[in-house]
Amino acid sequence: MYSREHFLIGAVASALLLVPLSSRFGTPLLAALFVYGVLLSVFIDLDHFVLTRVETGSWRHLRACLANPTDAFGDQDWVFEDVDSAELEHMRILSHVAIGGVLVGALVLLWPPVAVFTAVVLYCHVLADLLRDNGVA
C-alpha cells in the first residue's frame, strides 16, 4: 500500500480514536496523538528498507528514495521493483507485527491508553496491507 494511503488510514484511525480519549486528555495532547498516529501509520514502512537491505545486501533503495523524496512518497511503484515482492510481502507483515508488539508492549508499561492507541493504528495499517496483498482493496 502506498504511503499516501497509509497517511489517510492513519488520519482516519487516529481521529476516531481521539473521540473516546477527548474526555481524558487536553487538546495539545490529543493533537500530538493525532500526529503520532499518522506518522506511525506511514513510517512503520521504513522497515521495508531494512528488509531489502538484508535481501539485496545494498542500501540502494533507501539512497534512491532519499535522492528523490517526492517520488518516493507519491509514486512508489519504482522503489522496490527489482526485489522479490512475494518474499518482501511476507517479511514486511512479520516485521510490522514484531515492531508493533515490542512498541505496544513497552507502551503498556509506560502509558496504557497510548499503547491501545498505537495497537489500533498499527492494526489498521497491517489490515490495509493484507487487504491490498489479497486483492480485496
N, C-alpha and C. Protein backbone atom coordinates (compact mmCIF):
# COMPACT_ATOMS: atom_id res chain seq x y z
N MET A 1 0.85 -1.17 0.00
CA MET A 1 0.00 0.00 0.00
C MET A 1 0.90 1.24 0.00
N TYR A 2 0.46 2.25 -0.70
CA TYR A 2 1.25 3.47 -0.82
C TYR A 2 1.25 4.28 0.49
N SER A 3 2.29 5.07 0.68
CA SER A 3 2.39 5.93 1.87
C SER A 3 1.22 6.89 1.97
N ARG A 4 0.79 7.43 0.84
CA ARG A 4 -0.33 8.38 0.88
C ARG A 4 -1.61 7.70 1.37
N GLU A 5 -1.76 6.42 1.05
CA GLU A 5 -2.94 5.68 1.53
C GLU A 5 -2.81 5.39 3.02
N HIS A 6 -1.61 5.04 3.46
CA HIS A 6 -1.40 4.83 4.90
C HIS A 6 -1.55 6.14 5.67
N PHE A 7 -1.19 7.25 5.04
CA PHE A 7 -1.40 8.56 5.66
C PHE A 7 -2.89 8.77 5.94
N LEU A 8 -3.72 8.50 4.94
CA LEU A 8 -5.17 8.68 5.11
C LEU A 8 -5.75 7.70 6.13
N ILE A 9 -5.31 6.46 6.07
CA ILE A 9 -5.79 5.46 7.04
C ILE A 9 -5.37 5.85 8.45
N GLY A 10 -4.13 6.29 8.60
CA GLY A 10 -3.65 6.73 9.91
C GLY A 10 -4.41 7.94 10.42
N ALA A 11 -4.75 8.86 9.52
CA ALA A 11 -5.50 10.05 9.92
C ALA A 11 -6.91 9.69 10.38
N VAL A 12 -7.59 8.84 9.62
CA VAL A 12 -8.95 8.44 9.99
C VAL A 12 -8.94 7.64 11.29
N ALA A 13 -8.06 6.65 11.38
CA ALA A 13 -7.99 5.83 12.59
C ALA A 13 -7.66 6.69 13.81
N SER A 14 -6.69 7.57 13.66
CA SER A 14 -6.28 8.43 14.78
C SER A 14 -7.42 9.35 15.20
N ALA A 15 -8.09 9.95 14.23
CA ALA A 15 -9.19 10.86 14.56
C ALA A 15 -10.31 10.12 15.30
N LEU A 16 -10.64 8.92 14.84
CA LEU A 16 -11.69 8.15 15.51
C LEU A 16 -11.28 7.73 16.91
N LEU A 17 -10.02 7.41 17.08
CA LEU A 17 -9.52 7.00 18.39
C LEU A 17 -9.47 8.17 19.38
N LEU A 18 -9.39 9.38 18.87
CA LEU A 18 -9.34 10.54 19.76
C LEU A 18 -10.68 10.83 20.40
N VAL A 19 -11.76 10.37 19.81
CA VAL A 19 -13.10 10.64 20.36
C VAL A 19 -13.22 10.12 21.79
N PRO A 20 -12.95 8.83 22.05
CA PRO A 20 -13.07 8.39 23.45
C PRO A 20 -11.99 8.97 24.37
N LEU A 21 -10.89 9.40 23.79
CA LEU A 21 -9.81 9.96 24.61
C LEU A 21 -10.01 11.44 24.92
N SER A 22 -10.96 12.08 24.23
CA SER A 22 -11.13 13.53 24.37
C SER A 22 -11.58 13.94 25.78
N SER A 23 -12.23 13.05 26.51
CA SER A 23 -12.63 13.39 27.87
C SER A 23 -11.47 13.16 28.87
N ARG A 24 -10.45 12.49 28.41
CA ARG A 24 -9.34 12.12 29.28
C ARG A 24 -8.12 13.03 29.12
N PHE A 25 -7.92 13.55 27.90
CA PHE A 25 -6.73 14.34 27.60
C PHE A 25 -7.12 15.72 27.08
N GLY A 26 -6.20 16.67 27.24
CA GLY A 26 -6.41 18.02 26.74
C GLY A 26 -6.09 18.12 25.25
N THR A 27 -6.43 19.25 24.67
CA THR A 27 -6.26 19.47 23.24
C THR A 27 -4.82 19.32 22.77
N PRO A 28 -3.83 19.86 23.46
CA PRO A 28 -2.45 19.68 22.97
C PRO A 28 -2.03 18.20 22.88
N LEU A 29 -2.40 17.42 23.89
CA LEU A 29 -2.04 16.01 23.87
C LEU A 29 -2.82 15.26 22.79
N LEU A 30 -4.07 15.61 22.59
CA LEU A 30 -4.86 14.99 21.52
C LEU A 30 -4.26 15.30 20.16
N ALA A 31 -3.83 16.54 19.97
CA ALA A 31 -3.19 16.91 18.70
C ALA A 31 -1.90 16.13 18.51
N ALA A 32 -1.13 15.99 19.57
CA ALA A 32 0.12 15.23 19.49
C ALA A 32 -0.16 13.76 19.18
N LEU A 33 -1.19 13.20 19.77
CA LEU A 33 -1.56 11.81 19.49
C LEU A 33 -1.99 11.64 18.04
N PHE A 34 -2.72 12.61 17.51
CA PHE A 34 -3.15 12.54 16.12
C PHE A 34 -1.92 12.52 15.19
N VAL A 35 -1.00 13.43 15.42
CA VAL A 35 0.22 13.48 14.60
C VAL A 35 1.01 12.19 14.76
N TYR A 36 1.14 11.71 15.98
CA TYR A 36 1.84 10.45 16.24
C TYR A 36 1.20 9.30 15.47
N GLY A 37 -0.12 9.20 15.49
CA GLY A 37 -0.81 8.12 14.80
C GLY A 37 -0.60 8.16 13.30
N VAL A 38 -0.66 9.35 12.72
CA VAL A 38 -0.45 9.48 11.27
C VAL A 38 0.99 9.12 10.91
N LEU A 39 1.93 9.66 11.66
CA LEU A 39 3.34 9.35 11.39
C LEU A 39 3.66 7.88 11.59
N LEU A 40 3.09 7.28 12.62
CA LEU A 40 3.29 5.86 12.88
C LEU A 40 2.77 5.03 11.72
N SER A 41 1.59 5.38 11.22
CA SER A 41 0.99 4.62 10.13
C SER A 41 1.81 4.70 8.85
N VAL A 42 2.51 5.80 8.65
CA VAL A 42 3.34 5.96 7.45
C VAL A 42 4.74 5.40 7.67
N PHE A 43 5.37 5.77 8.77
CA PHE A 43 6.79 5.48 8.94
C PHE A 43 7.10 4.08 9.46
N ILE A 44 6.09 3.30 9.83
CA ILE A 44 6.40 1.90 10.16
C ILE A 44 6.91 1.19 8.92
N ASP A 45 6.57 1.73 7.75
CA ASP A 45 7.03 1.13 6.50
C ASP A 45 8.52 1.34 6.22
N LEU A 46 9.21 2.07 7.06
CA LEU A 46 10.66 2.20 6.88
C LEU A 46 11.37 0.87 7.07
N ASP A 47 10.68 -0.07 7.71
CA ASP A 47 11.27 -1.40 7.85
C ASP A 47 11.49 -2.08 6.50
N HIS A 48 10.77 -1.65 5.47
CA HIS A 48 10.97 -2.21 4.13
C HIS A 48 12.41 -2.02 3.66
N PHE A 49 13.00 -0.90 4.02
CA PHE A 49 14.37 -0.63 3.60
C PHE A 49 15.36 -1.56 4.30
N VAL A 50 15.11 -1.84 5.55
CA VAL A 50 15.97 -2.78 6.27
C VAL A 50 15.82 -4.18 5.67
N LEU A 51 14.58 -4.57 5.39
CA LEU A 51 14.33 -5.89 4.80
C LEU A 51 14.98 -6.03 3.43
N THR A 52 14.89 -4.99 2.60
CA THR A 52 15.53 -5.08 1.29
C THR A 52 17.05 -5.04 1.42
N ARG A 53 17.55 -4.38 2.43
CA ARG A 53 19.00 -4.38 2.69
C ARG A 53 19.46 -5.79 3.02
N VAL A 54 18.68 -6.49 3.84
CA VAL A 54 19.03 -7.86 4.21
C VAL A 54 18.97 -8.75 2.96
N GLU A 55 17.96 -8.56 2.13
CA GLU A 55 17.79 -9.41 0.95
C GLU A 55 18.80 -9.12 -0.15
N THR A 56 19.10 -7.84 -0.38
CA THR A 56 19.96 -7.48 -1.51
C THR A 56 21.39 -7.18 -1.12
N GLY A 57 21.63 -6.89 0.16
CA GLY A 57 22.97 -6.53 0.60
C GLY A 57 23.34 -5.09 0.27
N SER A 58 22.34 -4.30 -0.11
CA SER A 58 22.61 -2.93 -0.52
C SER A 58 21.55 -1.98 0.05
N TRP A 59 21.97 -0.75 0.28
CA TRP A 59 21.06 0.32 0.70
C TRP A 59 20.58 1.14 -0.50
N ARG A 60 20.72 0.64 -1.72
CA ARG A 60 20.40 1.43 -2.90
C ARG A 60 18.95 1.91 -2.94
N HIS A 61 18.03 1.14 -2.38
CA HIS A 61 16.63 1.54 -2.39
C HIS A 61 16.41 2.77 -1.49
N LEU A 62 17.03 2.74 -0.32
CA LEU A 62 16.94 3.88 0.58
C LEU A 62 17.61 5.10 -0.02
N ARG A 63 18.80 4.91 -0.60
CA ARG A 63 19.50 6.03 -1.22
C ARG A 63 18.67 6.64 -2.36
N ALA A 64 18.04 5.81 -3.15
CA ALA A 64 17.21 6.31 -4.27
C ALA A 64 16.04 7.13 -3.74
N CYS A 65 15.44 6.70 -2.65
CA CYS A 65 14.31 7.45 -2.09
C CYS A 65 14.76 8.75 -1.44
N LEU A 66 15.91 8.73 -0.80
CA LEU A 66 16.43 9.96 -0.20
C LEU A 66 16.83 10.97 -1.27
N ALA A 67 17.26 10.46 -2.41
CA ALA A 67 17.63 11.35 -3.52
C ALA A 67 16.40 11.94 -4.21
N ASN A 68 15.26 11.27 -4.10
CA ASN A 68 14.05 11.72 -4.78
C ASN A 68 12.84 11.52 -3.87
N PRO A 69 12.75 12.27 -2.76
CA PRO A 69 11.70 12.02 -1.77
C PRO A 69 10.28 12.27 -2.27
N THR A 70 10.10 13.19 -3.20
CA THR A 70 8.75 13.46 -3.71
C THR A 70 8.19 12.24 -4.42
N ASP A 71 8.98 11.66 -5.31
CA ASP A 71 8.53 10.45 -6.00
C ASP A 71 8.45 9.26 -5.04
N ALA A 72 9.33 9.22 -4.07
CA ALA A 72 9.32 8.11 -3.12
C ALA A 72 8.03 8.09 -2.31
N PHE A 73 7.46 9.26 -2.05
CA PHE A 73 6.21 9.32 -1.30
C PHE A 73 5.00 9.23 -2.23
N GLY A 74 5.10 9.84 -3.39
CA GLY A 74 3.93 9.93 -4.27
C GLY A 74 3.77 8.80 -5.26
N ASP A 75 4.85 8.35 -5.86
CA ASP A 75 4.79 7.32 -6.89
C ASP A 75 5.79 6.23 -6.54
N GLN A 76 5.36 5.27 -5.75
CA GLN A 76 6.29 4.31 -5.14
C GLN A 76 6.49 3.03 -5.94
N ASP A 77 5.88 2.89 -7.07
CA ASP A 77 5.98 1.63 -7.82
C ASP A 77 7.43 1.26 -8.15
N TRP A 78 8.28 2.24 -8.36
CA TRP A 78 9.65 2.00 -8.78
C TRP A 78 10.59 1.64 -7.63
N VAL A 79 10.20 1.89 -6.40
CA VAL A 79 11.13 1.79 -5.27
C VAL A 79 11.70 0.38 -5.10
N PHE A 80 10.84 -0.62 -5.09
CA PHE A 80 11.29 -1.99 -4.84
C PHE A 80 11.02 -2.90 -6.02
N GLU A 81 11.01 -2.34 -7.22
CA GLU A 81 10.64 -3.13 -8.40
C GLU A 81 11.62 -4.26 -8.72
N ASP A 82 12.84 -4.17 -8.24
CA ASP A 82 13.82 -5.23 -8.53
C ASP A 82 13.99 -6.24 -7.39
N VAL A 83 13.05 -6.21 -6.43
CA VAL A 83 13.11 -7.11 -5.28
C VAL A 83 11.97 -8.11 -5.38
N ASP A 84 12.21 -9.35 -4.95
CA ASP A 84 11.18 -10.39 -4.94
C ASP A 84 10.02 -9.93 -4.05
N SER A 85 8.94 -9.50 -4.66
CA SER A 85 7.84 -8.90 -3.90
C SER A 85 7.12 -9.91 -3.01
N ALA A 86 7.03 -11.17 -3.42
CA ALA A 86 6.35 -12.18 -2.59
C ALA A 86 7.10 -12.35 -1.26
N GLU A 87 8.40 -12.48 -1.34
CA GLU A 87 9.20 -12.63 -0.12
C GLU A 87 9.11 -11.37 0.74
N LEU A 88 9.19 -10.22 0.12
CA LEU A 88 9.11 -8.95 0.84
C LEU A 88 7.76 -8.80 1.53
N GLU A 89 6.67 -9.20 0.86
CA GLU A 89 5.34 -9.09 1.46
C GLU A 89 5.25 -9.88 2.76
N HIS A 90 5.74 -11.10 2.76
CA HIS A 90 5.67 -11.93 3.96
C HIS A 90 6.54 -11.34 5.07
N MET A 91 7.73 -10.95 4.73
CA MET A 91 8.64 -10.41 5.73
C MET A 91 8.16 -9.06 6.26
N ARG A 92 7.54 -8.27 5.40
CA ARG A 92 7.09 -6.94 5.82
C ARG A 92 5.98 -7.05 6.85
N ILE A 93 5.03 -7.95 6.64
CA ILE A 93 3.94 -8.12 7.62
C ILE A 93 4.51 -8.66 8.93
N LEU A 94 5.40 -9.63 8.83
CA LEU A 94 6.04 -10.17 10.03
C LEU A 94 6.80 -9.08 10.78
N SER A 95 7.51 -8.25 10.05
CA SER A 95 8.26 -7.16 10.66
C SER A 95 7.33 -6.15 11.33
N HIS A 96 6.23 -5.81 10.67
CA HIS A 96 5.26 -4.87 11.27
C HIS A 96 4.72 -5.42 12.59
N VAL A 97 4.38 -6.70 12.59
CA VAL A 97 3.83 -7.31 13.80
C VAL A 97 4.89 -7.35 14.91
N ALA A 98 6.12 -7.69 14.56
CA ALA A 98 7.18 -7.73 15.56
C ALA A 98 7.45 -6.34 16.14
N ILE A 99 7.59 -5.35 15.27
CA ILE A 99 7.84 -3.97 15.74
C ILE A 99 6.66 -3.48 16.57
N GLY A 100 5.46 -3.72 16.07
CA GLY A 100 4.26 -3.28 16.80
C GLY A 100 4.14 -3.94 18.15
N GLY A 101 4.44 -5.22 18.23
CA GLY A 101 4.36 -5.93 19.50
C GLY A 101 5.32 -5.37 20.53
N VAL A 102 6.53 -5.10 20.11
CA VAL A 102 7.53 -4.53 21.03
C VAL A 102 7.11 -3.12 21.46
N LEU A 103 6.67 -2.31 20.49
CA LEU A 103 6.26 -0.94 20.80
C LEU A 103 5.06 -0.92 21.75
N VAL A 104 4.05 -1.71 21.45
CA VAL A 104 2.86 -1.74 22.29
C VAL A 104 3.21 -2.31 23.67
N GLY A 105 4.04 -3.36 23.70
CA GLY A 105 4.44 -3.92 24.99
C GLY A 105 5.15 -2.92 25.88
N ALA A 106 6.03 -2.13 25.28
CA ALA A 106 6.73 -1.10 26.06
C ALA A 106 5.77 -0.01 26.52
N LEU A 107 4.86 0.39 25.63
CA LEU A 107 3.92 1.45 25.98
C LEU A 107 2.90 1.02 27.04
N VAL A 108 2.57 -0.27 27.07
CA VAL A 108 1.64 -0.76 28.10
C VAL A 108 2.21 -0.48 29.49
N LEU A 109 3.51 -0.61 29.61
CA LEU A 109 4.16 -0.35 30.90
C LEU A 109 4.23 1.14 31.22
N LEU A 110 4.39 1.95 30.17
CA LEU A 110 4.59 3.39 30.38
C LEU A 110 3.29 4.19 30.37
N TRP A 111 2.40 3.87 29.44
CA TRP A 111 1.20 4.68 29.28
C TRP A 111 0.13 3.86 28.55
N PRO A 112 -0.66 3.08 29.27
CA PRO A 112 -1.61 2.15 28.66
C PRO A 112 -2.56 2.75 27.61
N PRO A 113 -3.12 3.95 27.81
CA PRO A 113 -4.00 4.46 26.76
C PRO A 113 -3.28 4.68 25.42
N VAL A 114 -2.03 5.09 25.49
CA VAL A 114 -1.25 5.29 24.26
C VAL A 114 -0.88 3.94 23.65
N ALA A 115 -0.71 2.93 24.47
CA ALA A 115 -0.45 1.58 23.96
C ALA A 115 -1.65 1.08 23.15
N VAL A 116 -2.85 1.30 23.67
CA VAL A 116 -4.06 0.88 22.94
C VAL A 116 -4.19 1.68 21.65
N PHE A 117 -3.96 2.97 21.71
CA PHE A 117 -3.99 3.84 20.54
C PHE A 117 -3.01 3.31 19.48
N THR A 118 -1.80 3.02 19.90
CA THR A 118 -0.76 2.51 19.00
C THR A 118 -1.18 1.18 18.38
N ALA A 119 -1.70 0.28 19.21
CA ALA A 119 -2.11 -1.03 18.72
C ALA A 119 -3.20 -0.92 17.66
N VAL A 120 -4.16 -0.05 17.87
CA VAL A 120 -5.25 0.07 16.90
C VAL A 120 -4.76 0.71 15.60
N VAL A 121 -3.93 1.73 15.69
CA VAL A 121 -3.39 2.36 14.47
C VAL A 121 -2.58 1.33 13.68
N LEU A 122 -1.74 0.56 14.35
CA LEU A 122 -0.94 -0.45 13.64
C LEU A 122 -1.81 -1.58 13.11
N TYR A 123 -2.85 -1.94 13.83
CA TYR A 123 -3.79 -2.95 13.33
C TYR A 123 -4.41 -2.48 12.02
N CYS A 124 -4.84 -1.24 11.97
CA CYS A 124 -5.42 -0.68 10.74
C CYS A 124 -4.41 -0.70 9.60
N HIS A 125 -3.16 -0.38 9.89
CA HIS A 125 -2.10 -0.39 8.88
C HIS A 125 -1.90 -1.81 8.33
N VAL A 126 -1.74 -2.78 9.22
CA VAL A 126 -1.49 -4.16 8.80
C VAL A 126 -2.71 -4.72 8.07
N LEU A 127 -3.91 -4.43 8.56
CA LEU A 127 -5.12 -4.89 7.88
C LEU A 127 -5.20 -4.32 6.47
N ALA A 128 -4.90 -3.05 6.31
CA ALA A 128 -4.90 -2.44 4.98
C ALA A 128 -3.89 -3.12 4.06
N ASP A 129 -2.70 -3.39 4.58
CA ASP A 129 -1.69 -4.10 3.78
C ASP A 129 -2.18 -5.48 3.36
N LEU A 130 -2.78 -6.22 4.30
CA LEU A 130 -3.26 -7.56 3.98
C LEU A 130 -4.42 -7.53 2.99
N LEU A 131 -5.30 -6.56 3.13
CA LEU A 131 -6.40 -6.43 2.17
C LEU A 131 -5.86 -6.15 0.77
N ARG A 132 -4.87 -5.27 0.67
CA ARG A 132 -4.27 -4.97 -0.63
C ARG A 132 -3.52 -6.18 -1.18
N ASP A 133 -2.77 -6.85 -0.33
CA ASP A 133 -2.00 -8.02 -0.77
C ASP A 133 -2.89 -9.13 -1.31
N ASN A 134 -4.10 -9.22 -0.77
CA ASN A 134 -5.02 -10.28 -1.16
C ASN A 134 -6.06 -9.82 -2.19
N GLY A 135 -5.84 -8.63 -2.76
CA GLY A 135 -6.68 -8.15 -3.84
C GLY A 135 -8.06 -7.70 -3.44
N VAL A 136 -8.26 -7.44 -2.15
CA VAL A 136 -9.58 -7.00 -1.67
C VAL A 136 -9.72 -5.49 -1.79
N ALA A 137 -8.65 -4.77 -1.54
CA ALA A 137 -8.73 -3.30 -1.58
C ALA A 137 -7.63 -2.75 -2.49
